[in-house]
Amino acid sequence: MELSAYPNPTSNLVWIQCNQVIKKIVITDIQGKIQQTMEAFDSNSNTENLASIDLSSMVPGVYLISVLDTTNSQQTIRIVKGY
């Protein structure tokens, strides 16, 4: 699985792009506490390998975004949320 996130660092919105169909996204803080979970992406959509995440309500810091695809492969990417 190839995974990218942009812009990084970000202040509000981050885009997650994957070369596979995204099944689930879990955002955790650096201590491992789950901050947000997104699942049940529309498999009929043209954007099933692209997701936007609004981080505006989260405090600035480092977050880990784990992406699970439909083949149950998982990859994690680090995001910095600024002011």
N, C-alpha and C. Protein backbone atom coordinates (compact mmCIF):
# COMPACT_ATOMS: atom_id res chain seq x y z
N MET A 1 0.85 -1.18 0.00
CA MET A 1 0.00 0.00 0.00
C MET A 1 0.89 1.23 0.00
N GLU A 2 0.57 2.19 -0.84
CA GLU A 2 1.24 3.48 -0.86
C GLU A 2 0.30 4.52 -0.28
N LEU A 3 0.81 5.29 0.67
CA LEU A 3 -0.02 6.23 1.40
C LEU A 3 0.66 7.59 1.44
N SER A 4 -0.12 8.64 1.25
CA SER A 4 0.42 10.00 1.38
C SER A 4 -0.60 10.89 2.06
N ALA A 5 -0.09 11.94 2.70
CA ALA A 5 -0.95 12.91 3.40
C ALA A 5 -0.44 14.31 3.07
N TYR A 6 -1.36 15.19 2.77
CA TYR A 6 -0.98 16.56 2.43
C TYR A 6 -2.10 17.52 2.75
N PRO A 7 -1.82 18.77 3.10
CA PRO A 7 -0.48 19.26 3.42
C PRO A 7 -0.04 18.75 4.79
N ASN A 8 1.24 18.67 4.98
CA ASN A 8 1.79 18.20 6.24
C ASN A 8 3.08 18.97 6.49
N PRO A 9 3.10 19.88 7.46
CA PRO A 9 2.10 20.11 8.50
C PRO A 9 0.85 20.81 7.97
N THR A 10 -0.21 20.74 8.78
CA THR A 10 -1.48 21.35 8.41
C THR A 10 -2.04 22.11 9.60
N SER A 11 -2.99 23.00 9.32
CA SER A 11 -3.66 23.70 10.42
C SER A 11 -5.11 23.26 10.56
N ASN A 12 -5.70 22.77 9.50
CA ASN A 12 -7.11 22.36 9.55
C ASN A 12 -7.38 21.06 8.82
N LEU A 13 -7.35 21.12 7.49
CA LEU A 13 -7.75 20.00 6.67
C LEU A 13 -6.54 19.25 6.13
N VAL A 14 -6.59 17.92 6.22
CA VAL A 14 -5.54 17.09 5.64
C VAL A 14 -6.19 16.08 4.70
N TRP A 15 -5.53 15.84 3.58
CA TRP A 15 -6.01 14.86 2.60
C TRP A 15 -5.16 13.60 2.70
N ILE A 16 -5.83 12.45 2.73
CA ILE A 16 -5.16 11.16 2.75
C ILE A 16 -5.42 10.49 1.41
N GLN A 17 -4.34 10.10 0.74
CA GLN A 17 -4.48 9.42 -0.54
C GLN A 17 -3.77 8.08 -0.47
N CYS A 18 -4.43 7.07 -1.02
CA CYS A 18 -3.92 5.71 -0.97
C CYS A 18 -4.09 5.08 -2.36
N ASN A 19 -3.19 4.17 -2.71
CA ASN A 19 -3.33 3.52 -4.01
C ASN A 19 -4.29 2.33 -3.95
N GLN A 20 -4.88 2.09 -2.79
CA GLN A 20 -5.90 1.05 -2.60
C GLN A 20 -7.19 1.73 -2.12
N VAL A 21 -8.27 0.98 -2.11
CA VAL A 21 -9.54 1.49 -1.59
C VAL A 21 -9.45 1.56 -0.07
N ILE A 22 -9.76 2.73 0.48
CA ILE A 22 -9.69 2.95 1.93
C ILE A 22 -10.92 2.35 2.59
N LYS A 23 -10.68 1.53 3.61
CA LYS A 23 -11.76 0.90 4.37
C LYS A 23 -12.01 1.63 5.70
N LYS A 24 -10.92 2.03 6.36
CA LYS A 24 -11.05 2.64 7.69
C LYS A 24 -9.84 3.53 7.95
N ILE A 25 -10.09 4.64 8.65
CA ILE A 25 -9.02 5.55 9.08
C ILE A 25 -9.18 5.77 10.58
N VAL A 26 -8.07 5.64 11.30
CA VAL A 26 -8.07 5.89 12.74
C VAL A 26 -6.98 6.92 13.03
N ILE A 27 -7.36 7.98 13.74
CA ILE A 27 -6.42 9.03 14.13
C ILE A 27 -6.17 8.91 15.62
N THR A 28 -4.89 8.79 15.99
CA THR A 28 -4.53 8.73 17.40
C THR A 28 -3.54 9.84 17.71
N ASP A 29 -3.53 10.26 18.97
CA ASP A 29 -2.51 11.22 19.37
C ASP A 29 -1.21 10.46 19.64
N ILE A 30 -0.18 11.16 19.99
CA ILE A 30 1.13 10.54 20.14
C ILE A 30 1.17 9.57 21.33
N GLN A 31 0.24 9.71 22.27
CA GLN A 31 0.16 8.80 23.40
C GLN A 31 -0.66 7.54 23.07
N GLY A 32 -1.26 7.50 21.88
CA GLY A 32 -2.02 6.32 21.47
C GLY A 32 -3.51 6.42 21.70
N LYS A 33 -3.99 7.55 22.19
CA LYS A 33 -5.42 7.73 22.44
C LYS A 33 -6.14 8.03 21.12
N ILE A 34 -7.19 7.27 20.84
CA ILE A 34 -7.95 7.46 19.60
C ILE A 34 -8.69 8.79 19.66
N GLN A 35 -8.48 9.62 18.64
CA GLN A 35 -9.12 10.92 18.55
C GLN A 35 -10.31 10.91 17.59
N GLN A 36 -10.22 10.09 16.54
CA GLN A 36 -11.28 10.06 15.53
C GLN A 36 -11.17 8.76 14.74
N THR A 37 -12.32 8.22 14.35
CA THR A 37 -12.38 7.03 13.51
C THR A 37 -13.34 7.29 12.37
N MET A 38 -12.92 6.91 11.17
CA MET A 38 -13.78 7.05 9.99
C MET A 38 -13.81 5.69 9.29
N GLU A 39 -15.00 5.23 8.93
CA GLU A 39 -15.11 3.98 8.20
C GLU A 39 -16.31 3.98 7.28
N ALA A 40 -16.50 2.88 6.60
CA ALA A 40 -17.63 2.70 5.67
C ALA A 40 -17.56 3.70 4.52
N PHE A 41 -16.42 3.74 3.85
CA PHE A 41 -16.28 4.59 2.68
C PHE A 41 -17.11 4.02 1.54
N ASP A 42 -17.65 4.88 0.73
CA ASP A 42 -18.54 4.49 -0.38
C ASP A 42 -17.73 3.83 -1.49
N SER A 43 -17.92 2.54 -1.68
CA SER A 43 -17.16 1.81 -2.69
C SER A 43 -17.60 2.14 -4.11
N ASN A 44 -18.70 2.88 -4.26
CA ASN A 44 -19.16 3.29 -5.58
C ASN A 44 -18.68 4.69 -5.95
N SER A 45 -17.94 5.31 -5.05
CA SER A 45 -17.48 6.67 -5.25
C SER A 45 -16.21 6.69 -6.09
N ASN A 46 -16.01 7.77 -6.80
CA ASN A 46 -14.77 7.94 -7.55
C ASN A 46 -13.61 8.35 -6.64
N THR A 47 -13.90 8.66 -5.39
CA THR A 47 -12.87 9.12 -4.46
C THR A 47 -12.66 8.12 -3.33
N GLU A 48 -12.83 6.84 -3.60
CA GLU A 48 -12.71 5.84 -2.55
C GLU A 48 -11.28 5.63 -2.08
N ASN A 49 -10.30 6.20 -2.77
CA ASN A 49 -8.92 6.11 -2.31
C ASN A 49 -8.39 7.48 -1.86
N LEU A 50 -9.31 8.41 -1.63
CA LEU A 50 -8.97 9.76 -1.19
C LEU A 50 -9.94 10.18 -0.09
N ALA A 51 -9.40 10.68 1.01
CA ALA A 51 -10.26 11.11 2.12
C ALA A 51 -9.74 12.43 2.68
N SER A 52 -10.67 13.29 3.05
CA SER A 52 -10.28 14.53 3.73
C SER A 52 -10.66 14.42 5.21
N ILE A 53 -9.80 14.95 6.04
CA ILE A 53 -10.01 14.88 7.49
C ILE A 53 -9.88 16.29 8.05
N ASP A 54 -10.89 16.71 8.79
CA ASP A 54 -10.89 18.03 9.41
C ASP A 54 -10.25 17.92 10.79
N LEU A 55 -9.10 18.54 10.96
CA LEU A 55 -8.38 18.51 12.24
C LEU A 55 -8.53 19.82 13.02
N SER A 56 -9.41 20.71 12.57
CA SER A 56 -9.51 22.03 13.18
C SER A 56 -9.89 22.00 14.66
N SER A 57 -10.61 20.98 15.09
CA SER A 57 -11.03 20.91 16.49
C SER A 57 -9.97 20.26 17.39
N MET A 58 -8.90 19.76 16.81
CA MET A 58 -7.85 19.10 17.59
C MET A 58 -6.77 20.11 17.98
N VAL A 59 -6.18 19.89 19.13
CA VAL A 59 -5.11 20.77 19.59
C VAL A 59 -3.86 20.54 18.73
N PRO A 60 -3.03 21.57 18.59
CA PRO A 60 -1.80 21.39 17.83
C PRO A 60 -0.93 20.28 18.43
N GLY A 61 -0.28 19.53 17.56
CA GLY A 61 0.57 18.44 18.01
C GLY A 61 0.81 17.44 16.91
N VAL A 62 1.36 16.29 17.29
CA VAL A 62 1.66 15.22 16.36
C VAL A 62 0.57 14.15 16.48
N TYR A 63 0.07 13.71 15.34
CA TYR A 63 -0.97 12.67 15.29
C TYR A 63 -0.53 11.56 14.35
N LEU A 64 -1.00 10.36 14.64
CA LEU A 64 -0.75 9.21 13.78
C LEU A 64 -2.04 8.84 13.08
N ILE A 65 -1.99 8.73 11.77
CA ILE A 65 -3.17 8.37 10.99
C ILE A 65 -2.92 6.98 10.42
N SER A 66 -3.74 6.01 10.87
CA SER A 66 -3.63 4.64 10.39
C SER A 66 -4.73 4.39 9.38
N VAL A 67 -4.34 3.85 8.23
CA VAL A 67 -5.28 3.57 7.15
C VAL A 67 -5.32 2.06 6.91
N LEU A 68 -6.53 1.53 6.87
CA LEU A 68 -6.76 0.12 6.57
C LEU A 68 -7.45 0.06 5.21
N ASP A 69 -6.90 -0.75 4.30
CA ASP A 69 -7.54 -0.86 2.99
C ASP A 69 -8.40 -2.12 2.92
N THR A 70 -9.04 -2.33 1.80
CA THR A 70 -9.98 -3.45 1.66
C THR A 70 -9.29 -4.81 1.61
N THR A 71 -7.96 -4.83 1.48
CA THR A 71 -7.23 -6.10 1.55
C THR A 71 -6.73 -6.34 2.97
N ASN A 72 -7.15 -5.49 3.91
CA ASN A 72 -6.78 -5.52 5.33
C ASN A 72 -5.30 -5.23 5.56
N SER A 73 -4.69 -4.54 4.63
CA SER A 73 -3.33 -4.04 4.81
C SER A 73 -3.44 -2.70 5.53
N GLN A 74 -2.53 -2.47 6.48
CA GLN A 74 -2.58 -1.23 7.26
C GLN A 74 -1.25 -0.51 7.18
N GLN A 75 -1.33 0.81 7.12
CA GLN A 75 -0.14 1.65 7.14
C GLN A 75 -0.44 2.89 7.96
N THR A 76 0.58 3.40 8.63
CA THR A 76 0.42 4.57 9.49
C THR A 76 1.34 5.68 9.01
N ILE A 77 0.82 6.89 9.04
CA ILE A 77 1.58 8.06 8.64
C ILE A 77 1.46 9.12 9.73
N ARG A 78 2.53 9.89 9.93
CA ARG A 78 2.56 10.92 10.97
C ARG A 78 2.17 12.26 10.38
N ILE A 79 1.31 12.98 11.11
CA ILE A 79 0.84 14.30 10.69
C ILE A 79 1.15 15.30 11.81
N VAL A 80 1.60 16.48 11.42
CA VAL A 80 1.81 17.55 12.40
C VAL A 80 0.68 18.57 12.20
N LYS A 81 -0.04 18.81 13.29
CA LYS A 81 -1.14 19.80 13.26
C LYS A 81 -0.63 21.05 13.95
N GLY A 82 -0.54 22.13 13.18
CA GLY A 82 -0.04 23.40 13.74
C GLY A 82 -1.19 24.29 14.18
N TYR A 83 -0.90 25.55 14.39
CA TYR A 83 -1.89 26.53 14.84
C TYR A 83 -2.69 27.06 13.69
